[in-house]
């Protein structure tokens, strides 16, 4: 996989294409090439990359991440954001639709969000056009070693196939450190 030295420029799309959730939901075949009827209904550790992207893209098509964070995880949202200093450049792994990133942006802190869900990326780009999102896997982060000062993971490790590889990748691209949190309550979503 190509490792970016700097964020790639945004490409222009044909006039008839509009990157929206409504457009995405109308597609009979997902961007991964999987027919909507064949998308796995549950996540498991042995899923292929295509199955994983398809599952999480469909799983988050109708989830309002902002509402969830503000109602259920407000302390976590601010806790993670308070650990990034104004002079640090960060990577938010599992950025969802960019709520962490927007809080940091409002504080003058710049970074990039990485997520596996196509729908999260679409929603984030639409909701926060001033932020930068990259689609990719936490197990193979597409940036050079030491590219970021700090890497954030908010409720992400319980979703990945191999947490050791994800943490190793996060440490590889971070100069100063990695900050992560995991849920500690008894409630679990089906993909945990």
Protein backbone atom coordinates (compact mmCIF):
# COMPACT_ATOMS: atom_id res chain seq x y z
CA UNK A 1 0.00 0.00 0.00
CA UNK A 2 1.21 3.49 -0.82
CA UNK A 3 2.20 5.53 2.23
CA UNK A 4 1.31 9.19 1.87
CA UNK A 5 3.93 11.77 2.73
CA UNK A 6 1.26 14.45 2.72
CA UNK A 7 -2.50 14.35 2.22
CA UNK A 8 -3.41 13.63 -1.40
CA UNK A 9 -5.33 16.37 -3.17
CA UNK A 10 -9.08 15.93 -3.44
CA UNK A 11 -10.05 14.78 -6.91
CA UNK A 12 -12.94 16.34 -8.77
CA UNK A 13 -15.87 14.04 -9.50
CA UNK A 14 -18.18 13.94 -12.52
CA UNK A 15 -21.05 16.45 -12.35
CA UNK A 16 -23.69 13.72 -12.10
CA UNK A 17 -22.12 12.24 -8.97
CA UNK A 18 -22.92 13.75 -5.60
CA UNK A 19 -21.24 12.20 -2.56
CA UNK A 20 -24.23 11.87 -0.23
CA UNK A 21 -25.70 9.20 2.00
CA UNK A 22 -28.90 9.22 -0.08
CA UNK A 23 -26.89 8.50 -3.24
CA UNK A 24 -25.01 5.74 -1.41
CA UNK A 25 -28.23 4.12 -0.12
CA UNK A 26 -29.67 3.97 -3.65
CA UNK A 27 -26.78 1.89 -4.97
CA UNK A 28 -27.70 -1.77 -5.52
CA UNK A 29 -24.01 -2.64 -5.29
CA UNK A 30 -21.78 -1.10 -2.61
CA UNK A 31 -18.55 0.70 -3.56
CA UNK A 32 -16.79 -2.52 -2.49
CA UNK A 33 -18.51 -4.41 -5.32
CA UNK A 34 -20.72 -6.39 -2.94
CA UNK A 35 -24.44 -6.50 -3.76
CA UNK A 36 -26.42 -4.93 -0.94
CA UNK A 37 -28.23 -8.25 -0.39
CA UNK A 38 -24.89 -10.01 0.28
CA UNK A 39 -23.54 -7.68 2.97
CA UNK A 40 -22.73 -9.65 6.16
CA UNK A 41 -25.25 -8.99 8.93
CA UNK A 42 -22.77 -9.63 11.76
CA UNK A 43 -19.07 -8.89 12.14
CA UNK A 44 -16.60 -11.64 12.98
CA UNK A 45 -12.84 -11.97 13.28
CA UNK A 46 -12.36 -13.88 10.02
CA UNK A 47 -14.08 -11.40 7.71
CA UNK A 48 -12.29 -10.45 4.51
CA UNK A 49 -11.37 -6.81 3.95
CA UNK A 50 -14.26 -6.41 1.49
CA UNK A 51 -16.74 -7.94 3.94
CA UNK A 52 -15.46 -5.71 6.74
CA UNK A 53 -15.74 -2.49 4.71
CA UNK A 54 -19.19 -3.53 3.49
CA UNK A 55 -20.40 -4.43 6.99
CA UNK A 56 -19.24 -1.20 8.65
CA UNK A 57 -20.37 0.96 5.73
CA UNK A 58 -23.88 -0.47 6.03
CA UNK A 59 -23.77 -0.55 9.85
CA UNK A 60 -23.17 3.21 10.04
CA UNK A 61 -25.36 4.32 7.12
CA UNK A 62 -28.16 5.38 9.50
CA UNK A 63 -26.21 6.00 12.74
CA UNK A 64 -25.98 9.59 13.96
CA UNK A 65 -22.50 9.44 15.46
CA UNK A 66 -22.69 13.01 16.76
CA UNK A 67 -25.84 12.31 18.72
CA UNK A 68 -24.31 9.14 20.17
CA UNK A 69 -21.11 10.90 21.21
CA UNK A 70 -22.85 13.89 22.77
CA UNK A 71 -25.42 11.76 24.63
CA UNK A 72 -23.47 8.59 25.47
CA UNK A 73 -19.77 9.44 25.30
CA UNK A 74 -19.39 13.16 26.02
CA UNK A 75 -16.71 12.59 28.68
CA UNK A 76 -14.76 10.40 26.28
CA UNK A 77 -15.13 12.94 23.49
CA UNK A 78 -13.64 15.74 25.58
CA UNK A 79 -11.20 13.43 27.35
CA UNK A 80 -9.55 12.40 24.09
CA UNK A 81 -9.63 15.91 22.68
CA UNK A 82 -8.07 17.40 25.81
CA UNK A 83 -5.03 15.17 25.35
CA UNK A 84 -4.03 16.84 22.07
CA UNK A 85 -2.04 20.07 22.40
CA UNK A 86 -2.53 23.04 20.06
CA UNK A 87 0.83 22.51 18.36
CA UNK A 88 0.28 18.80 17.65
CA UNK A 89 -0.80 17.21 14.35
CA UNK A 90 -3.00 14.16 14.99
CA UNK A 91 -4.55 11.13 13.31
CA UNK A 92 -8.02 10.09 14.50
CA UNK A 93 -8.25 6.35 13.76
CA UNK A 94 -11.88 5.29 13.51
CA UNK A 95 -12.86 8.95 13.16
CA UNK A 96 -16.49 8.12 12.25
CA UNK A 97 -18.02 11.29 10.82
CA UNK A 98 -15.47 13.64 12.39
CA UNK A 99 -16.95 14.85 15.70
CA UNK A 100 -13.59 14.56 17.55
CA UNK A 101 -11.89 16.29 14.68
CA UNK A 102 -14.32 19.20 14.66
CA UNK A 103 -13.85 19.79 18.40
CA UNK A 104 -10.09 19.89 17.81
CA UNK A 105 -10.47 22.08 14.71
CA UNK A 106 -12.43 24.64 16.74
CA UNK A 107 -9.42 24.75 19.08
CA UNK A 108 -7.11 25.43 16.13
CA UNK A 109 -5.67 21.88 16.11
CA UNK A 110 -5.22 20.18 12.74
CA UNK A 111 -5.29 16.51 11.84
CA UNK A 112 -6.62 13.78 9.60
CA UNK A 113 -9.37 11.22 10.17
CA UNK A 114 -9.13 7.58 9.07
CA UNK A 115 -12.17 5.31 8.93
CA UNK A 116 -13.13 2.01 7.32
CA UNK A 117 -16.78 2.97 6.83
CA UNK A 118 -17.52 4.56 3.46
CA UNK A 119 -20.71 6.06 4.90
CA UNK A 120 -18.84 7.68 7.80
CA UNK A 121 -16.42 9.28 5.34
CA UNK A 122 -19.28 10.53 3.15
CA UNK A 123 -21.16 11.99 6.14
CA UNK A 124 -17.99 13.56 7.53
CA UNK A 125 -17.02 15.23 4.25
CA UNK A 126 -20.54 16.62 3.87
CA UNK A 127 -20.92 17.74 7.49
CA UNK A 128 -17.37 19.05 7.98
CA UNK A 129 -15.98 20.14 4.60
CA UNK A 130 -13.12 21.91 6.40
CA UNK A 131 -11.78 18.56 7.73
CA UNK A 132 -9.74 15.93 5.94
CA UNK A 133 -10.85 12.27 5.83
CA UNK A 134 -9.07 9.20 4.46
CA UNK A 135 -10.69 5.82 3.91
CA UNK A 136 -8.53 2.96 5.13
CA UNK A 137 -7.75 0.18 7.57
CA UNK A 138 -6.30 0.70 11.03
CA UNK A 139 -4.20 -2.42 10.41
CA UNK A 140 -2.40 -0.72 7.50
CA UNK A 141 -2.36 3.04 8.06
CA UNK A 142 -1.44 4.76 4.77
CA UNK A 143 1.06 7.27 6.17
CA UNK A 144 4.82 7.32 6.67
CA UNK A 145 6.51 6.50 9.98
CA UNK A 146 6.30 9.30 12.54
CA UNK A 147 4.00 11.40 10.34
CA UNK A 148 1.71 12.44 13.23
CA UNK A 149 2.51 13.79 16.67
CA UNK A 150 -0.31 11.83 18.29
CA UNK A 151 -2.83 9.17 17.29
CA UNK A 152 -6.33 8.96 18.80
CA UNK A 153 -8.52 5.85 18.99
CA UNK A 154 -11.91 6.36 20.60
CA UNK A 155 -13.83 3.11 21.10
CA UNK A 156 -12.08 1.50 18.13
CA UNK A 157 -9.96 -1.39 19.42
CA UNK A 158 -13.02 -3.52 20.21
CA UNK A 159 -13.99 -3.35 16.52
CA UNK A 160 -10.73 -4.50 14.89
CA UNK A 161 -9.60 -7.99 13.92
CA UNK A 162 -6.16 -7.70 15.50
CA UNK A 163 -5.65 -5.02 18.20
CA UNK A 164 -1.90 -5.74 18.42
CA UNK A 165 -1.37 -4.94 14.76
CA UNK A 166 -3.54 -1.81 15.04
CA UNK A 167 -1.59 -0.54 18.05
CA UNK A 168 1.72 -1.30 16.30
CA UNK A 169 0.56 0.69 13.25
CA UNK A 170 -0.56 3.59 15.45
CA UNK A 171 2.79 3.62 17.24
CA UNK A 172 4.57 3.48 13.88
CA UNK A 173 2.93 6.65 12.56
CA UNK A 174 3.04 8.55 15.91
CA UNK A 175 6.04 10.59 17.06
CA UNK A 176 4.87 11.25 20.61
CA UNK A 177 2.23 8.67 21.48
CA UNK A 178 -1.12 6.99 21.12
CA UNK A 179 -4.22 7.77 23.16
CA UNK A 180 -7.05 5.27 23.22
CA UNK A 181 -10.12 4.36 25.19
CA UNK A 182 -12.35 1.31 25.24
CA UNK A 183 -15.87 0.93 26.63
CA UNK A 184 -15.96 -0.52 30.13
CA UNK A 185 -19.69 -0.96 30.60
CA UNK A 186 -21.62 -4.19 30.09
CA UNK A 187 -23.45 -3.00 26.98
CA UNK A 188 -22.01 -4.29 23.73
CA UNK A 189 -23.06 -3.78 20.16
CA UNK A 190 -23.15 -6.87 18.00
CA UNK A 191 -19.77 -6.16 16.39
CA UNK A 192 -17.88 -5.88 19.69
